[in-house]
Amino acid sequence: MGRCFTASQRLLLLRKAGYRCQHCGVILTPDNFAADHRIPYSKGGATQVWNGQALCRECNLLKSDAFEEE
């Protein structure tokens, strides 16, 4: 499995999040959605739904490769 979530994984993450950013709550669209690794890929996080979350691009950029609790 590579770094990028598959289309079906991305759709599942969106549905699980109710089409809202899991950090700020903004409504997610194809233009502002980013599938994010809770445990960063760069730090050994798997590209699996259990390690994913739906974020808006702004929150994803702010998070960078930090752990969720950082």
PDB file of N, CA and C in Angstrom:
ATOM      1  N   MET A   1       0.864  -1.183   0.000  1.00  0.00           N
ATOM      2  CA  MET A   1       0.000   0.000   0.000  1.00  0.00           C
ATOM      3  C   MET A   1       0.901   1.233   0.000  1.00  0.00           C
ATOM      4  N   GLY A   2       0.560   2.194  -0.837  1.00  0.00           N
ATOM      5  CA  GLY A   2       1.348   3.412  -0.957  1.00  0.00           C
ATOM      6  C   GLY A   2       0.901   4.503  -0.005  1.00  0.00           C
ATOM      7  N   ARG A   3       1.396   5.684  -0.262  1.00  0.00           N
ATOM      8  CA  ARG A   3       1.128   6.840   0.585  1.00  0.00           C
ATOM      9  C   ARG A   3      -0.285   7.392   0.406  1.00  0.00           C
ATOM     10  N   CYS A   4      -0.835   7.304  -0.802  1.00  0.00           N
ATOM     11  CA  CYS A   4      -2.137   7.906  -1.101  1.00  0.00           C
ATOM     12  C   CYS A   4      -3.293   6.952  -0.820  1.00  0.00           C
ATOM     13  N   PHE A   5      -4.348   7.494  -0.241  1.00  0.00           N
ATOM     14  CA  PHE A   5      -5.568   6.723  -0.036  1.00  0.00           C
ATOM     15  C   PHE A   5      -6.227   6.481  -1.391  1.00  0.00           C
ATOM     16  N   THR A   6      -6.853   5.313  -1.558  1.00  0.00           N
ATOM     17  CA  THR A   6      -7.568   5.015  -2.799  1.00  0.00           C
ATOM     18  C   THR A   6      -8.861   5.826  -2.839  1.00  0.00           C
ATOM     19  N   ALA A   7      -9.481   5.870  -4.002  1.00  0.00           N
ATOM     20  CA  ALA A   7     -10.750   6.592  -4.152  1.00  0.00           C
ATOM     21  C   ALA A   7     -11.814   6.019  -3.220  1.00  0.00           C
ATOM     22  N   SER A   8     -11.876   4.702  -3.084  1.00  0.00           N
ATOM     23  CA  SER A   8     -12.888   4.101  -2.202  1.00  0.00           C
ATOM     24  C   SER A   8     -12.584   4.396  -0.735  1.00  0.00           C
ATOM     25  N   GLN A   9     -11.313   4.427  -0.349  1.00  0.00           N
ATOM     26  CA  GLN A   9     -10.959   4.792   1.024  1.00  0.00           C
ATOM     27  C   GLN A   9     -11.322   6.248   1.298  1.00  0.00           C
ATOM     28  N   ARG A  10     -11.049   7.126   0.346  1.00  0.00           N
ATOM     29  CA  ARG A  10     -11.368   8.550   0.511  1.00  0.00           C
ATOM     30  C   ARG A  10     -12.873   8.749   0.690  1.00  0.00           C
ATOM     31  N   LEU A  11     -13.664   8.043  -0.114  1.00  0.00           N
ATOM     32  CA  LEU A  11     -15.118   8.146  -0.005  1.00  0.00           C
ATOM     33  C   LEU A  11     -15.593   7.639   1.356  1.00  0.00           C
ATOM     34  N   LEU A  12     -15.033   6.542   1.825  1.00  0.00           N
ATOM     35  CA  LEU A  12     -15.401   6.008   3.134  1.00  0.00           C
ATOM     36  C   LEU A  12     -15.044   6.989   4.252  1.00  0.00           C
ATOM     37  N   LEU A  13     -13.871   7.614   4.173  1.00  0.00           N
ATOM     38  CA  LEU A  13     -13.479   8.613   5.174  1.00  0.00           C
ATOM     39  C   LEU A  13     -14.452   9.788   5.183  1.00  0.00           C
ATOM     40  N   LEU A  14     -14.838  10.250   3.999  1.00  0.00           N
ATOM     41  CA  LEU A  14     -15.809  11.347   3.898  1.00  0.00           C
ATOM     42  C   LEU A  14     -17.135  10.963   4.538  1.00  0.00           C
ATOM     43  N   ARG A  15     -17.628   9.780   4.215  1.00  0.00           N
ATOM     44  CA  ARG A  15     -18.913   9.328   4.765  1.00  0.00           C
ATOM     45  C   ARG A  15     -18.846   9.171   6.275  1.00  0.00           C
ATOM     46  N   LYS A  16     -17.764   8.579   6.779  1.00  0.00           N
ATOM     47  CA  LYS A  16     -17.617   8.392   8.229  1.00  0.00           C
ATOM     48  C   LYS A  16     -17.591   9.728   8.964  1.00  0.00           C
ATOM     49  N   ALA A  17     -17.057  10.759   8.318  1.00  0.00           N
ATOM     50  CA  ALA A  17     -16.956  12.089   8.933  1.00  0.00           C
ATOM     51  C   ALA A  17     -18.209  12.928   8.711  1.00  0.00           C
ATOM     52  N   GLY A  18     -19.203  12.378   8.027  1.00  0.00           N
ATOM     53  CA  GLY A  18     -20.412  13.151   7.753  1.00  0.00           C
ATOM     54  C   GLY A  18     -20.158  14.320   6.823  1.00  0.00           C
ATOM     55  N   TYR A  19     -19.165  14.182   5.964  1.00  0.00           N
ATOM     56  CA  TYR A  19     -18.795  15.221   4.996  1.00  0.00           C
ATOM     57  C   TYR A  19     -18.403  16.533   5.681  1.00  0.00           C
ATOM     58  N   ARG A  20     -17.801  16.409   6.878  1.00  0.00           N
ATOM     59  CA  ARG A  20     -17.314  17.586   7.617  1.00  0.00           C
ATOM     60  C   ARG A  20     -15.868  17.360   8.050  1.00  0.00           C
ATOM     61  N   CYS A  21     -15.095  18.444   8.069  1.00  0.00           N
ATOM     62  CA  CYS A  21     -13.715  18.377   8.541  1.00  0.00           C
ATOM     63  C   CYS A  21     -13.724  17.908   9.988  1.00  0.00           C
ATOM     64  N   GLN A  22     -12.903  16.935  10.292  1.00  0.00           N
ATOM     65  CA  GLN A  22     -12.878  16.373  11.635  1.00  0.00           C
ATOM     66  C   GLN A  22     -12.133  17.259  12.634  1.00  0.00           C
ATOM     67  N   HIS A  23     -11.558  18.369  12.176  1.00  0.00           N
ATOM     68  CA  HIS A  23     -10.919  19.317  13.094  1.00  0.00           C
ATOM     69  C   HIS A  23     -11.752  20.577  13.276  1.00  0.00           C
ATOM     70  N   CYS A  24     -12.164  21.213  12.174  1.00  0.00           N
ATOM     71  CA  CYS A  24     -12.859  22.503  12.298  1.00  0.00           C
ATOM     72  C   CYS A  24     -14.349  22.434  11.995  1.00  0.00           C
ATOM     73  N   GLY A  25     -14.819  21.334  11.392  1.00  0.00           N
ATOM     74  CA  GLY A  25     -16.244  21.160  11.148  1.00  0.00           C
ATOM     75  C   GLY A  25     -16.782  21.744   9.855  1.00  0.00           C
ATOM     76  N   VAL A  26     -15.923  22.358   9.043  1.00  0.00           N
ATOM     77  CA  VAL A  26     -16.388  22.924   7.776  1.00  0.00           C
ATOM     78  C   VAL A  26     -16.928  21.799   6.879  1.00  0.00           C
ATOM     79  N   ILE A  27     -17.921  22.123   6.059  1.00  0.00           N
ATOM     80  CA  ILE A  27     -18.461  21.144   5.110  1.00  0.00           C
ATOM     81  C   ILE A  27     -17.400  20.856   4.048  1.00  0.00           C
ATOM     82  N   LEU A  28     -17.179  19.573   3.785  1.00  0.00           N
ATOM     83  CA  LEU A  28     -16.163  19.164   2.822  1.00  0.00           C
ATOM     84  C   LEU A  28     -16.754  18.981   1.431  1.00  0.00           C
ATOM     85  N   THR A  29     -16.008  19.446   0.446  1.00  0.00           N
ATOM     86  CA  THR A  29     -16.359  19.309  -0.967  1.00  0.00           C
ATOM     87  C   THR A  29     -15.144  18.699  -1.678  1.00  0.00           C
ATOM     88  N   PRO A  30     -15.304  18.281  -2.929  1.00  0.00           N
ATOM     89  CA  PRO A  30     -14.137  17.781  -3.660  1.00  0.00           C
ATOM     90  C   PRO A  30     -13.008  18.816  -3.767  1.00  0.00           C
ATOM     91  N   ASP A  31     -13.353  20.095  -3.705  1.00  0.00           N
ATOM     92  CA  ASP A  31     -12.340  21.147  -3.828  1.00  0.00           C
ATOM     93  C   ASP A  31     -11.565  21.423  -2.548  1.00  0.00           C
ATOM     94  N   ASN A  32     -12.120  21.074  -1.380  1.00  0.00           N
ATOM     95  CA  ASN A  32     -11.419  21.404  -0.133  1.00  0.00           C
ATOM     96  C   ASN A  32     -11.115  20.189   0.740  1.00  0.00           C
ATOM     97  N   PHE A  33     -11.343  18.986   0.241  1.00  0.00           N
ATOM     98  CA  PHE A  33     -11.161  17.764   1.021  1.00  0.00           C
ATOM     99  C   PHE A  33      -9.739  17.221   0.903  1.00  0.00           C
ATOM    100  N   ALA A  34      -9.198  16.787   2.041  1.00  0.00           N
ATOM    101  CA  ALA A  34      -7.907  16.095   2.067  1.00  0.00           C
ATOM    102  C   ALA A  34      -8.035  14.875   2.971  1.00  0.00           C
ATOM    103  N   ALA A  35      -7.647  13.723   2.469  1.00  0.00           N
ATOM    104  CA  ALA A  35      -7.592  12.507   3.281  1.00  0.00           C
ATOM    105  C   ALA A  35      -6.262  12.536   4.019  1.00  0.00           C
ATOM    106  N   ASP A  36      -6.314  12.504   5.342  1.00  0.00           N
ATOM    107  CA  ASP A  36      -5.126  12.683   6.172  1.00  0.00           C
ATOM    108  C   ASP A  36      -4.827  11.424   6.973  1.00  0.00           C
ATOM    109  N   HIS A  37      -3.547  11.172   7.212  1.00  0.00           N
ATOM    110  CA  HIS A  37      -3.112  10.086   8.084  1.00  0.00           C
ATOM    111  C   HIS A  37      -3.089  10.598   9.526  1.00  0.00           C
ATOM    112  N   ARG A  38      -3.828   9.943  10.430  1.00  0.00           N
ATOM    113  CA  ARG A  38      -3.785  10.316  11.856  1.00  0.00           C
ATOM    114  C   ARG A  38      -2.366  10.148  12.389  1.00  0.00           C
ATOM    115  N   ILE A  39      -1.790   8.977  12.173  1.00  0.00           N
ATOM    116  CA  ILE A  39      -0.361   8.765  12.426  1.00  0.00           C
ATOM    117  C   ILE A  39       0.302   9.024  11.082  1.00  0.00           C
ATOM    118  N   PRO A  40       1.125  10.057  10.984  1.00  0.00           N
ATOM    119  CA  PRO A  40       1.675  10.444   9.689  1.00  0.00           C
ATOM    120  C   PRO A  40       2.377   9.293   8.962  1.00  0.00           C
ATOM    121  N   TYR A  41       2.192   9.254   7.668  1.00  0.00           N
ATOM    122  CA  TYR A  41       2.854   8.256   6.827  1.00  0.00           C
ATOM    123  C   TYR A  41       4.363   8.338   7.029  1.00  0.00           C
ATOM    124  N   SER A  42       4.887   9.564   7.152  1.00  0.00           N
ATOM    125  CA  SER A  42       6.327   9.775   7.323  1.00  0.00           C
ATOM    126  C   SER A  42       6.851   9.221   8.644  1.00  0.00           C
ATOM    127  N   LYS A  43       5.937   8.924   9.567  1.00  0.00           N
ATOM    128  CA  LYS A  43       6.327   8.378  10.872  1.00  0.00           C
ATOM    129  C   LYS A  43       5.821   6.951  11.047  1.00  0.00           C
ATOM    130  N   GLY A  44       5.563   6.282   9.916  1.00  0.00           N
ATOM    131  CA  GLY A  44       5.186   4.878   9.957  1.00  0.00           C
ATOM    132  C   GLY A  44       3.702   4.588   9.920  1.00  0.00           C
ATOM    133  N   GLY A  45       2.870   5.610   9.786  1.00  0.00           N
ATOM    134  CA  GLY A  45       1.421   5.414   9.751  1.00  0.00           C
ATOM    135  C   GLY A  45       0.972   4.708   8.480  1.00  0.00           C
ATOM    136  N   ALA A  46       0.044   3.793   8.627  1.00  0.00           N
ATOM    137  CA  ALA A  46      -0.463   3.018   7.495  1.00  0.00           C
ATOM    138  C   ALA A  46      -1.492   3.808   6.693  1.00  0.00           C
ATOM    139  N   THR A  47      -1.549   3.522   5.409  1.00  0.00           N
ATOM    140  CA  THR A  47      -2.569   4.116   4.547  1.00  0.00           C
ATOM    141  C   THR A  47      -3.778   3.185   4.562  1.00  0.00           C
ATOM    142  N   GLN A  48      -4.468   3.187   5.684  1.00  0.00           N
ATOM    143  CA  GLN A  48      -5.652   2.365   5.916  1.00  0.00           C
ATOM    144  C   GLN A  48      -6.729   3.266   6.513  1.00  0.00           C
ATOM    145  N   VAL A  49      -7.988   2.897   6.323  1.00  0.00           N
ATOM    146  CA  VAL A  49      -9.100   3.723   6.807  1.00  0.00           C
ATOM    147  C   VAL A  49      -9.007   3.950   8.316  1.00  0.00           C
ATOM    148  N   TRP A  50      -8.587   2.939   9.077  1.00  0.00           N
ATOM    149  CA  TRP A  50      -8.495   3.102  10.537  1.00  0.00           C
ATOM    150  C   TRP A  50      -7.496   4.191  10.925  1.00  0.00           C
ATOM    151  N   ASN A  51      -6.553   4.525  10.046  1.00  0.00           N
ATOM    152  CA  ASN A  51      -5.559   5.559  10.319  1.00  0.00           C
ATOM    153  C   ASN A  51      -5.844   6.840   9.534  1.00  0.00           C
ATOM    154  N   GLY A  52      -7.013   6.937   8.947  1.00  0.00           N
ATOM    155  CA  GLY A  52      -7.333   8.108   8.144  1.00  0.00           C
ATOM    156  C   GLY A  52      -8.364   9.003   8.798  1.00  0.00           C
ATOM    157  N   GLN A  53      -8.393  10.240   8.339  1.00  0.00           N
ATOM    158  CA  GLN A  53      -9.425  11.177   8.768  1.00  0.00           C
ATOM    159  C   GLN A  53      -9.670  12.162   7.635  1.00  0.00           C
ATOM    160  N   ALA A  54     -10.871  12.700   7.622  1.00  0.00           N
ATOM    161  CA  ALA A  54     -11.260  13.672   6.605  1.00  0.00           C
ATOM    162  C   ALA A  54     -11.018  15.075   7.150  1.00  0.00           C
ATOM    163  N   LEU A  55     -10.154  15.816   6.484  1.00  0.00           N
ATOM    164  CA  LEU A  55      -9.850  17.190   6.882  1.00  0.00           C
ATOM    165  C   LEU A  55     -10.057  18.122   5.696  1.00  0.00           C
ATOM    166  N   CYS A  56     -10.296  19.396   5.999  1.00  0.00           N
ATOM    167  CA  CYS A  56     -10.255  20.393   4.935  1.00  0.00           C
ATOM    168  C   CYS A  56      -8.773  20.629   4.627  1.00  0.00           C
ATOM    169  N   ARG A  57      -8.501  21.150   3.451  1.00  0.00           N
ATOM    170  CA  ARG A  57      -7.099  21.351   3.056  1.00  0.00           C
ATOM    171  C   ARG A  57      -6.360  22.274   4.025  1.00  0.00           C
ATOM    172  N   GLU A  58      -7.055  23.294   4.539  1.00  0.00           N
ATOM    173  CA  GLU A  58      -6.415  24.236   5.466  1.00  0.00           C
ATOM    174  C   GLU A  58      -5.960  23.533   6.741  1.00  0.00           C
ATOM    175  N   CYS A  59      -6.841  22.733   7.345  1.00  0.00           N
ATOM    176  CA  CYS A  59      -6.469  21.995   8.559  1.00  0.00           C
ATOM    177  C   CYS A  59      -5.373  20.981   8.262  1.00  0.00           C
ATOM    178  N   ASN A  60      -5.428  20.354   7.092  1.00  0.00           N
ATOM    179  CA  ASN A  60      -4.407  19.383   6.718  1.00  0.00           C
ATOM    180  C   ASN A  60      -3.044  20.059   6.594  1.00  0.00           C
ATOM    181  N   LEU A  61      -3.006  21.250   6.001  1.00  0.00           N
ATOM    182  CA  LEU A  61      -1.743  21.977   5.877  1.00  0.00           C
ATOM    183  C   LEU A  61      -1.211  22.402   7.243  1.00  0.00           C
ATOM    184  N   LEU A  62      -2.106  22.819   8.140  1.00  0.00           N
ATOM    185  CA  LEU A  62      -1.682  23.219   9.484  1.00  0.00           C
ATOM    186  C   LEU A  62      -1.140  22.035  10.271  1.00  0.00           C
ATOM    187  N   LYS A  63      -1.741  20.860  10.076  1.00  0.00           N
ATOM    188  CA  LYS A  63      -1.309  19.657  10.790  1.00  0.00           C
ATOM    189  C   LYS A  63       0.047  19.188  10.285  1.00  0.00           C
ATOM    190  N   SER A  64       0.285  19.270   8.993  1.00  0.00           N
ATOM    191  CA  SER A  64       1.520  18.817   8.361  1.00  0.00           C
ATOM    192  C   SER A  64       1.767  17.360   8.719  1.00  0.00           C
ATOM    193  N   ASP A  65       2.955  17.038   9.258  1.00  0.00           N
ATOM    194  CA  ASP A  65       3.228  15.644   9.612  1.00  0.00           C
ATOM    195  C   ASP A  65       3.240  15.439  11.122  1.00  0.00           C
ATOM    196  N   ALA A  66       2.492  16.286  11.837  1.00  0.00           N
ATOM    197  CA  ALA A  66       2.382  16.145  13.288  1.00  0.00           C
ATOM    198  C   ALA A  66       1.408  15.021  13.623  1.00  0.00           C
ATOM    199  N   PHE A  67       1.602  14.445  14.790  1.00  0.00           N
ATOM    200  CA  PHE A  67       0.632  13.473  15.281  1.00  0.00           C
ATOM    201  C   PHE A  67      -0.631  14.213  15.667  1.00  0.00           C
ATOM    202  N   GLU A  68      -1.759  13.525  15.664  1.00  0.00           N
ATOM    203  CA  GLU A  68      -3.058  14.134  15.950  1.00  0.00           C
ATOM    204  C   GLU A  68      -3.064  14.874  17.289  1.00  0.00           C
ATOM    205  N   GLU A  69      -2.413  14.321  18.305  1.00  0.00           N
ATOM    206  CA  GLU A  69      -2.456  14.945  19.628  1.00  0.00           C
ATOM    207  C   GLU A  69      -1.423  16.039  19.822  1.00  0.00           C
ATOM    208  N   GLU A  70      -0.518  16.272  18.845  1.00  0.00           N
ATOM    209  CA  GLU A  70       0.496  17.320  18.969  1.00  0.00           C
ATOM    210  C   GLU A  70      -0.100  18.692  18.721  1.00  0.00           C
TER     211      GLU A  70
END
